[in-house]
C-alpha atoms as a PDB file:
ATOM      1  CA  MET A   1     -10.391 -17.523  14.963  1.00  0.00           C
ATOM      2  CA  SER A   2     -13.298 -19.786  14.187  1.00  0.00           C
ATOM      3  CA  PRO A   3     -12.827 -22.091  11.168  1.00  0.00           C
ATOM      4  CA  ASP A   4     -16.197 -20.766   9.981  1.00  0.00           C
ATOM      5  CA  THR A   5     -14.938 -17.176   9.844  1.00  0.00           C
ATOM      6  CA  PRO A   6     -14.860 -16.077   6.195  1.00  0.00           C
ATOM      7  CA  GLN A   7     -11.422 -15.062   4.962  1.00  0.00           C
ATOM      8  CA  TRP A   8     -11.068 -12.005   2.751  1.00  0.00           C
ATOM      9  CA  THR A   9      -9.473 -12.506  -0.643  1.00  0.00           C
ATOM     10  CA  PRO A  10      -8.888  -9.857  -3.332  1.00  0.00           C
ATOM     11  CA  VAL A  11     -11.976  -9.147  -5.423  1.00  0.00           C
ATOM     12  CA  HIS A  12     -10.111  -7.054  -7.989  1.00  0.00           C
ATOM     13  CA  GLY A  13     -11.998  -7.069 -11.308  1.00  0.00           C
ATOM     14  CA  GLN A  14     -14.957  -9.100 -10.054  1.00  0.00           C
ATOM     15  CA  PRO A  15     -18.489  -7.883 -10.832  1.00  0.00           C
ATOM     16  CA  TYR A  16     -20.562  -5.898  -8.369  1.00  0.00           C
ATOM     17  CA  ARG A  17     -22.572  -8.143  -6.046  1.00  0.00           C
ATOM     18  CA  PRO A  18     -25.094  -6.264  -3.896  1.00  0.00           C
ATOM     19  CA  ALA A  19     -26.211  -7.488  -0.495  1.00  0.00           C
ATOM     20  CA  PRO A  20     -29.200  -6.259   1.517  1.00  0.00           C
ATOM     21  CA  TYR A  21     -28.496  -3.865   4.388  1.00  0.00           C
ATOM     22  CA  ARG A  22     -31.402  -3.266   6.743  1.00  0.00           C
ATOM     23  CA  PRO A  23     -30.120  -2.134  10.148  1.00  0.00           C
ATOM     24  CA  GLU A  24     -32.772  -1.435  12.764  1.00  0.00           C
ATOM     25  CA  ARG A  25     -33.495   2.279  12.973  1.00  0.00           C
ATOM     26  CA  MET A  26     -32.700   3.600  16.442  1.00  0.00           C
ATOM     27  CA  PRO A  27     -35.447   5.706  18.059  1.00  0.00           C
ATOM     28  CA  ALA A  28     -34.529   9.395  18.150  1.00  0.00           C
ATOM     29  CA  ALA A  29     -34.528   9.610  21.942  1.00  0.00           C
ATOM     30  CA  ARG A  30     -32.101   6.705  22.286  1.00  0.00           C
ATOM     31  CA  SER A  31     -29.944   8.114  19.483  1.00  0.00           C
ATOM     32  CA  LEU A  32     -29.751  11.505  21.202  1.00  0.00           C
ATOM     33  CA  ALA A  33     -28.836   9.927  24.526  1.00  0.00           C
ATOM     34  CA  ARG A  34     -26.206   7.686  22.982  1.00  0.00           C
ATOM     35  CA  ALA A  35     -24.655  10.554  21.005  1.00  0.00           C
ATOM     36  CA  ALA A  36     -24.478  12.753  24.100  1.00  0.00           C
ATOM     37  CA  GLY A  37     -22.894   9.964  26.114  1.00  0.00           C
ATOM     38  CA  LEU A  38     -20.379   9.223  23.378  1.00  0.00           C
ATOM     39  CA  ARG A  39     -19.505  12.905  23.081  1.00  0.00           C
ATOM     40  CA  ALA A  40     -18.870  13.104  26.829  1.00  0.00           C
ATOM     41  CA  ARG A  41     -16.769   9.925  26.845  1.00  0.00           C
ATOM     42  CA  MET A  42     -14.659  11.017  23.897  1.00  0.00           C
ATOM     43  CA  ASP A  43     -14.098  14.447  25.436  1.00  0.00           C
ATOM     44  CA  GLU A  44     -12.275  12.600  28.230  1.00  0.00           C
ATOM     45  CA  ARG A  45      -9.786  11.076  25.788  1.00  0.00           C
ATOM     46  CA  ARG A  46      -6.248  12.356  26.145  1.00  0.00           C
ATOM     47  CA  THR A  47      -2.953  11.485  24.513  1.00  0.00           C
ATOM     48  CA  VAL A  48      -0.909   9.776  27.236  1.00  0.00           C
ATOM     49  CA  ARG A  49       2.880   9.653  27.354  1.00  0.00           C
ATOM     50  CA  HIS A  50       3.296   8.297  30.901  1.00  0.00           C
ATOM     51  CA  PHE A  51       2.201   4.677  31.095  1.00  0.00           C
ATOM     52  CA  SER A  52       1.927   2.128  33.855  1.00  0.00           C
ATOM     53  CA  PRO A  53       3.778  -1.124  33.098  1.00  0.00           C
ATOM     54  CA  ASP A  54       0.729  -3.087  34.275  1.00  0.00           C
ATOM     55  CA  PRO A  55      -0.464  -5.575  31.650  1.00  0.00           C
ATOM     56  CA  VAL A  56      -3.687  -4.932  29.781  1.00  0.00           C
ATOM     57  CA  PRO A  57      -6.249  -7.542  28.680  1.00  0.00           C
ATOM     58  CA  GLU A  58      -4.914  -8.681  25.320  1.00  0.00           C
ATOM     59  CA  GLN A  59      -8.364  -9.494  23.985  1.00  0.00           C
ATOM     60  CA  VAL A  60      -9.408  -5.874  24.548  1.00  0.00           C
ATOM     61  CA  VAL A  61      -6.536  -4.793  22.304  1.00  0.00           C
ATOM     62  CA  ARG A  62      -7.412  -7.411  19.691  1.00  0.00           C
ATOM     63  CA  ASP A  63     -11.046  -6.312  19.696  1.00  0.00           C
ATOM     64  CA  ALA A  64      -9.958  -2.674  19.292  1.00  0.00           C
ATOM     65  CA  VAL A  65      -7.882  -3.669  16.257  1.00  0.00           C
ATOM     66  CA  ALA A  66     -10.888  -5.565  14.883  1.00  0.00           C
ATOM     67  CA  CYS A  67     -12.948  -2.377  15.291  1.00  0.00           C
ATOM     68  CA  ALA A  68     -10.263  -0.371  13.483  1.00  0.00           C
ATOM     69  CA  ALA A  69     -10.292  -2.877  10.649  1.00  0.00           C
ATOM     70  CA  THR A  70     -13.966  -2.082   9.969  1.00  0.00           C
ATOM     71  CA  ALA A  71     -12.895   1.364   8.708  1.00  0.00           C
ATOM     72  CA  PRO A  72     -13.901   2.381   5.193  1.00  0.00           C
ATOM     73  CA  SER A  73     -11.120   2.164   2.633  1.00  0.00           C
ATOM     74  CA  GLY A  74     -10.504   3.071  -0.987  1.00  0.00           C
ATOM     75  CA  ALA A  75     -12.144   0.416  -3.196  1.00  0.00           C
ATOM     76  CA  HIS A  76     -12.531  -1.667  -0.004  1.00  0.00           C
ATOM     77  CA  GLN A  77      -8.935  -2.806  -0.334  1.00  0.00           C
ATOM     78  CA  GLN A  78      -8.248  -2.492   3.419  1.00  0.00           C
ATOM     79  CA  PRO A  79      -4.597  -1.475   2.980  1.00  0.00           C
ATOM     80  CA  TRP A  80      -3.472  -1.914   6.581  1.00  0.00           C
ATOM     81  CA  THR A  81      -1.538  -4.254   8.816  1.00  0.00           C
ATOM     82  CA  PHE A  82      -1.546  -3.951  12.614  1.00  0.00           C
ATOM     83  CA  VAL A  83       1.484  -5.467  14.374  1.00  0.00           C
ATOM     84  CA  LEU A  84       0.940  -6.016  18.103  1.00  0.00           C
ATOM     85  CA  VAL A  85       4.336  -5.861  19.816  1.00  0.00           C
ATOM     86  CA  LYS A  86       4.430  -7.319  23.333  1.00  0.00           C
ATOM     87  CA  ASP A  87       8.015  -8.604  23.474  1.00  0.00           C
ATOM     88  CA  PRO A  88       9.995  -6.252  25.787  1.00  0.00           C
ATOM     89  CA  GLN A  89      13.213  -6.813  23.827  1.00  0.00           C
ATOM     90  CA  VAL A  90      11.583  -5.803  20.540  1.00  0.00           C
ATOM     91  CA  ARG A  91      10.055  -2.743  22.203  1.00  0.00           C
ATOM     92  CA  ARG A  92      13.518  -1.763  23.476  1.00  0.00           C
ATOM     93  CA  ARG A  93      14.899  -2.033  19.933  1.00  0.00           C
ATOM     94  CA  ILE A  94      12.079   0.149  18.621  1.00  0.00           C
ATOM     95  CA  ARG A  95      12.681   2.748  21.341  1.00  0.00           C
ATOM     96  CA  ALA A  96      16.433   2.876  20.698  1.00  0.00           C
ATOM     97  CA  ALA A  97      15.930   3.390  16.968  1.00  0.00           C
ATOM     98  CA  ALA A  98      13.136   5.925  17.488  1.00  0.00           C
ATOM     99  CA  GLU A  99      15.158   7.983  19.965  1.00  0.00           C
ATOM    100  CA  GLN A 100      18.097   8.057  17.585  1.00  0.00           C
ATOM    101  CA  GLU A 101      15.881   9.636  14.936  1.00  0.00           C
ATOM    102  CA  GLU A 102      14.161  11.936  17.435  1.00  0.00           C
ATOM    103  CA  GLU A 103      17.467  13.307  18.719  1.00  0.00           C
ATOM    104  CA  LEU A 104      18.321  14.409  15.189  1.00  0.00           C
ATOM    105  CA  SER A 105      14.880  15.967  14.828  1.00  0.00           C
ATOM    106  CA  TYR A 106      14.965  17.898  18.100  1.00  0.00           C
ATOM    107  CA  ASP A 107      18.551  18.979  17.456  1.00  0.00           C
ATOM    108  CA  GLY A 108      17.413  20.942  14.418  1.00  0.00           C
ATOM    109  CA  ARG A 109      16.028  18.704  11.707  1.00  0.00           C
ATOM    110  CA  LEU A 110      12.473  19.747  12.554  1.00  0.00           C
ATOM    111  CA  GLY A 111      13.133  23.467  12.236  1.00  0.00           C
ATOM    112  CA  GLU A 112      12.258  26.165  14.748  1.00  0.00           C
ATOM    113  CA  GLU A 113       8.658  26.643  13.621  1.00  0.00           C
ATOM    114  CA  TRP A 114       7.819  22.993  14.251  1.00  0.00           C
ATOM    115  CA  LEU A 115       9.727  22.936  17.534  1.00  0.00           C
ATOM    116  CA  ALA A 116       7.792  26.021  18.655  1.00  0.00           C
ATOM    117  CA  ALA A 117       4.521  24.239  17.863  1.00  0.00           C
ATOM    118  CA  LEU A 118       5.621  21.230  19.949  1.00  0.00           C
ATOM    119  CA  ARG A 119       6.872  23.241  22.939  1.00  0.00           C
ATOM    120  CA  PRO A 120       3.467  23.561  24.688  1.00  0.00           C
ATOM    121  CA  LEU A 121       3.170  19.768  24.620  1.00  0.00           C
ATOM    122  CA  GLY A 122       6.351  19.223  26.627  1.00  0.00           C
ATOM    123  CA  THR A 123       7.743  16.598  24.262  1.00  0.00           C
ATOM    124  CA  ASP A 124      11.408  15.779  23.697  1.00  0.00           C
ATOM    125  CA  ALA A 125      13.593  13.064  22.199  1.00  0.00           C
ATOM    126  CA  VAL A 126      13.107  10.681  25.144  1.00  0.00           C
ATOM    127  CA  LYS A 127      10.384   8.188  24.238  1.00  0.00           C
ATOM    128  CA  SER A 128       9.936   6.159  27.417  1.00  0.00           C
ATOM    129  CA  HIS A 129       6.356   5.333  26.430  1.00  0.00           C
ATOM    130  CA  LEU A 130       7.722   2.866  23.883  1.00  0.00           C
ATOM    131  CA  THR A 131       9.038   0.623  26.660  1.00  0.00           C
ATOM    132  CA  ASP A 132       6.813   1.608  29.597  1.00  0.00           C
ATOM    133  CA  ALA A 133       3.547   0.762  27.839  1.00  0.00           C
ATOM    134  CA  PRO A 134       2.933  -3.005  27.937  1.00  0.00           C
ATOM    135  CA  ALA A 135       2.027  -3.144  24.255  1.00  0.00           C
ATOM    136  CA  LEU A 136       2.649  -1.308  21.022  1.00  0.00           C
ATOM    137  CA  ILE A 137       0.472  -1.434  17.940  1.00  0.00           C
ATOM    138  CA  VAL A 138       2.572  -0.573  14.912  1.00  0.00           C
ATOM    139  CA  VAL A 139       0.305   0.329  12.015  1.00  0.00           C
ATOM    140  CA  PHE A 140       1.594  -0.269   8.505  1.00  0.00           C
ATOM    141  CA  GLN A 141       0.042   0.927   5.268  1.00  0.00           C
ATOM    142  CA  GLN A 142       0.135  -1.407   2.295  1.00  0.00           C
ATOM    143  CA  ARG A 143       1.106   0.567  -0.799  1.00  0.00           C
ATOM    144  CA  TYR A 144       0.164  -2.291  -3.117  1.00  0.00           C
ATOM    145  CA  TRP A 145      -0.783  -5.959  -3.058  1.00  0.00           C
ATOM    146  CA  LEU A 146       0.581  -8.910  -4.995  1.00  0.00           C
ATOM    147  CA  GLY A 147      -1.540 -11.136  -7.180  1.00  0.00           C
ATOM    148  CA  ALA A 148      -1.073 -14.908  -7.268  1.00  0.00           C
ATOM    149  CA  ASP A 149       1.286 -14.463 -10.227  1.00  0.00           C
ATOM    150  CA  GLY A 150       3.364 -11.841  -8.409  1.00  0.00           C
ATOM    151  CA  THR A 151       1.834  -8.889 -10.257  1.00  0.00           C
ATOM    152  CA  LYS A 152       1.726  -5.644  -8.270  1.00  0.00           C
ATOM    153  CA  HIS A 153      -1.690  -4.033  -7.878  1.00  0.00           C
ATOM    154  CA  LYS A 154      -2.013  -0.489  -6.584  1.00  0.00           C
ATOM    155  CA  HIS A 155      -4.067   0.406  -3.521  1.00  0.00           C
ATOM    156  CA  TYR A 156      -6.082   3.632  -3.609  1.00  0.00           C
ATOM    157  CA  TYR A 157      -6.486   6.407  -1.000  1.00  0.00           C
ATOM    158  CA  VAL A 158      -4.055   4.585   1.260  1.00  0.00           C
ATOM    159  CA  ASP A 159      -3.193   7.519   3.558  1.00  0.00           C
ATOM    160  CA  GLU A 160      -6.841   8.441   4.014  1.00  0.00           C
ATOM    161  CA  SER A 161      -7.919   4.845   4.617  1.00  0.00           C
ATOM    162  CA  VAL A 162      -5.232   4.051   7.175  1.00  0.00           C
ATOM    163  CA  GLY A 163      -5.701   7.411   8.891  1.00  0.00           C
ATOM    164  CA  ILE A 164      -9.403   6.685   9.410  1.00  0.00           C
ATOM    165  CA  ALA A 165      -8.544   3.218  10.768  1.00  0.00           C
ATOM    166  CA  VAL A 166      -6.099   4.688  13.287  1.00  0.00           C
ATOM    167  CA  GLY A 167      -8.749   7.154  14.448  1.00  0.00           C
ATOM    168  CA  MET A 168     -11.179   4.301  14.978  1.00  0.00           C
ATOM    169  CA  LEU A 169      -8.462   2.357  16.822  1.00  0.00           C
ATOM    170  CA  LEU A 170      -7.916   5.249  19.249  1.00  0.00           C
ATOM    171  CA  SER A 171     -11.658   5.536  19.850  1.00  0.00           C
ATOM    172  CA  ALA A 172     -12.065   1.805  20.473  1.00  0.00           C
ATOM    173  CA  LEU A 173      -9.138   1.729  22.906  1.00  0.00           C
ATOM    174  CA  HIS A 174     -10.397   4.746  24.819  1.00  0.00           C
ATOM    175  CA  LEU A 175     -13.974   3.482  25.041  1.00  0.00           C
ATOM    176  CA  SER A 176     -12.574   0.170  26.323  1.00  0.00           C
ATOM    177  CA  GLY A 177     -10.778   1.891  29.202  1.00  0.00           C
ATOM    178  CA  LEU A 178      -7.247   2.032  27.793  1.00  0.00           C
ATOM    179  CA  ALA A 179      -4.957   4.951  27.045  1.00  0.00           C
ATOM    180  CA  ALA A 180      -2.958   5.425  23.858  1.00  0.00           C
ATOM    181  CA  LEU A 181      -0.666   7.737  21.949  1.00  0.00           C
ATOM    182  CA  VAL A 182      -0.002   8.206  18.248  1.00  0.00           C
ATOM    183  CA  HIS A 183       3.765   8.328  17.815  1.00  0.00           C
ATOM    184  CA  THR A 184       5.243   9.034  14.387  1.00  0.00           C
ATOM    185  CA  PRO A 185       9.042   9.022  14.528  1.00  0.00           C
ATOM    186  CA  SER A 186      10.454  10.409  11.307  1.00  0.00           C
ATOM    187  CA  PRO A 187      11.720   8.675   9.289  1.00  0.00           C
ATOM    188  CA  MET A 188      10.099   5.358  10.241  1.00  0.00           C
ATOM    189  CA  ARG A 189      11.843   2.944   7.888  1.00  0.00           C
ATOM    190  CA  PHE A 190      13.495   1.206  10.844  1.00  0.00           C
ATOM    191  CA  LEU A 191      10.143  -0.227  11.931  1.00  0.00           C
ATOM    192  CA  ALA A 192       9.831  -2.399   8.829  1.00  0.00           C
ATOM    193  CA  ARG A 193      13.345  -3.742   9.465  1.00  0.00           C
ATOM    194  CA  VAL A 194      12.826  -4.415  13.165  1.00  0.00           C
ATOM    195  CA  LEU A 195       9.469  -6.117  12.581  1.00  0.00           C
ATOM    196  CA  ASP A 196      10.483  -7.881   9.365  1.00  0.00           C
ATOM    197  CA  ARG A 197       7.617  -6.530   7.293  1.00  0.00           C
ATOM    198  CA  PRO A 198       7.322  -7.141   3.529  1.00  0.00           C
ATOM    199  CA  GLU A 199       8.365  -4.647   0.870  1.00  0.00           C
ATOM    200  CA  ASN A 200       4.838  -3.412   0.157  1.00  0.00           C
ATOM    201  CA  GLU A 201       4.309  -2.193   3.744  1.00  0.00           C
ATOM    202  CA  ARG A 202       5.343   1.211   5.066  1.00  0.00           C
ATOM    203  CA  ALA A 203       5.102   2.242   8.720  1.00  0.00           C
ATOM    204  CA  PHE A 204       2.319   4.752   9.371  1.00  0.00           C
ATOM    205  CA  ALA A 205       2.215   5.132  13.175  1.00  0.00           C
ATOM    206  CA  VAL A 206       3.228   3.559  16.462  1.00  0.00           C
ATOM    207  CA  VAL A 207       0.438   3.381  19.057  1.00  0.00           C
ATOM    208  CA  PRO A 208       1.561   2.552  22.616  1.00  0.00           C
ATOM    209  CA  VAL A 209      -1.319   1.076  24.631  1.00  0.00           C
ATOM    210  CA  GLY A 210      -1.784   0.707  28.371  1.00  0.00           C
ATOM    211  CA  TYR A 211      -3.068   2.344  31.520  1.00  0.00           C
ATOM    212  CA  PRO A 212      -1.935   5.829  32.554  1.00  0.00           C
ATOM    213  CA  ALA A 213       0.786   5.825  35.221  1.00  0.00           C
ATOM    214  CA  ASP A 214      -0.277   6.774  38.737  1.00  0.00           C
ATOM    215  CA  ASP A 215       1.629  10.056  38.371  1.00  0.00           C
ATOM    216  CA  CYS A 216       0.563  10.641  34.756  1.00  0.00           C
ATOM    217  CA  GLU A 217       0.374  14.239  33.596  1.00  0.00           C
ATOM    218  CA  VAL A 218      -0.908  15.635  30.309  1.00  0.00           C
ATOM    219  CA  PRO A 219      -0.575  19.112  28.791  1.00  0.00           C
ATOM    220  CA  ASP A 220      -3.138  21.648  30.015  1.00  0.00           C
ATOM    221  CA  LEU A 221      -4.852  22.112  26.670  1.00  0.00           C
ATOM    222  CA  VAL A 222      -8.219  23.375  25.431  1.00  0.00           C
ATOM    223  CA  ARG A 223      -9.951  21.756  22.484  1.00  0.00           C
ATOM    224  CA  LYS A 224     -11.696  23.863  19.876  1.00  0.00           C
ATOM    225  CA  SER A 225     -15.388  24.284  20.619  1.00  0.00           C
ATOM    226  CA  LEU A 226     -18.034  22.848  18.327  1.00  0.00           C
ATOM    227  CA  ASP A 227     -18.785  26.244  16.796  1.00  0.00           C
ATOM    228  CA  GLN A 228     -15.088  26.597  15.898  1.00  0.00           C
ATOM    229  CA  VAL A 229     -14.996  23.352  13.917  1.00  0.00           C
ATOM    230  CA  LEU A 230     -18.522  22.980  12.537  1.00  0.00           C
ATOM    231  CA  VAL A 231     -19.936  25.002   9.657  1.00  0.00           C
ATOM    232  CA  GLU A 232     -23.616  24.479   8.874  1.00  0.00           C
ATOM    233  CA  VAL A 233     -24.940  25.586   5.485  1.00  0.00           C
END
C-alpha cells in the first residue's frame, strides 16, 4: 500500500461534505456492447466445488477483494472484513471443523425439505474444496465498531451490505478468470476462533478461490430467463 493512500476513519456524527462527481458519459453504442459482453461473460459463471491445487496470482485475489470493498453499505460504514487464508494447515483446520458441522446437518439437522432442495446439486458433508482450492476468502460481517473510548457503535444494514460485497467479489473473481464457491457451514462460529477474529465480527461466508480441476463437473442446471426475473412497469 502506498503511504499516500488515504486511510478510512469513522466519520460518525460529522457533517455532510459533498464532493463533485462527474464521470464521463459512455456513448450508447459502447454501453450496449459492454453490457452484452458482460451479460455473456457472467452467464458463464458457475459455482465450482472441484478445484485444481495450482496456485493463483495473489494480486488478482487482492484486486478482487478491493473491488468487493467498493460495494455500497448502510451509512457507508463498510461493515466487512475479508480474511485471505493461504496456509494449508489453517485450511485443514477449517475443513475439519466445517465437515463436523456438515455431518450433523446432512444427518438430519437440515430437515428433509432442505435436503430435497440440495439433492439436485449433488452436495454432501465432504468439503474437499476447502483444502483443494489454493486460497480461501473468509468474509466476516462487523456487527458494530468501537470508538476510541471503547464505546460500541451499531452498524446498519449489515447483512445487506456484506451480501452485496460478496456478490461483487464473485463477479470480480469470475471476470478475472478464477472460479469460486460460496460456502456457508452452519453454524459458523468456529471460523472466528480458528482465525482469531475480534468479538464484533461474525462469519458470513467462506469463498474458496482457484482454477477448476481438469475433471471438474458442475450440476446440469438451467438459470431463470430474463422474463422470469424481470418485471417492467
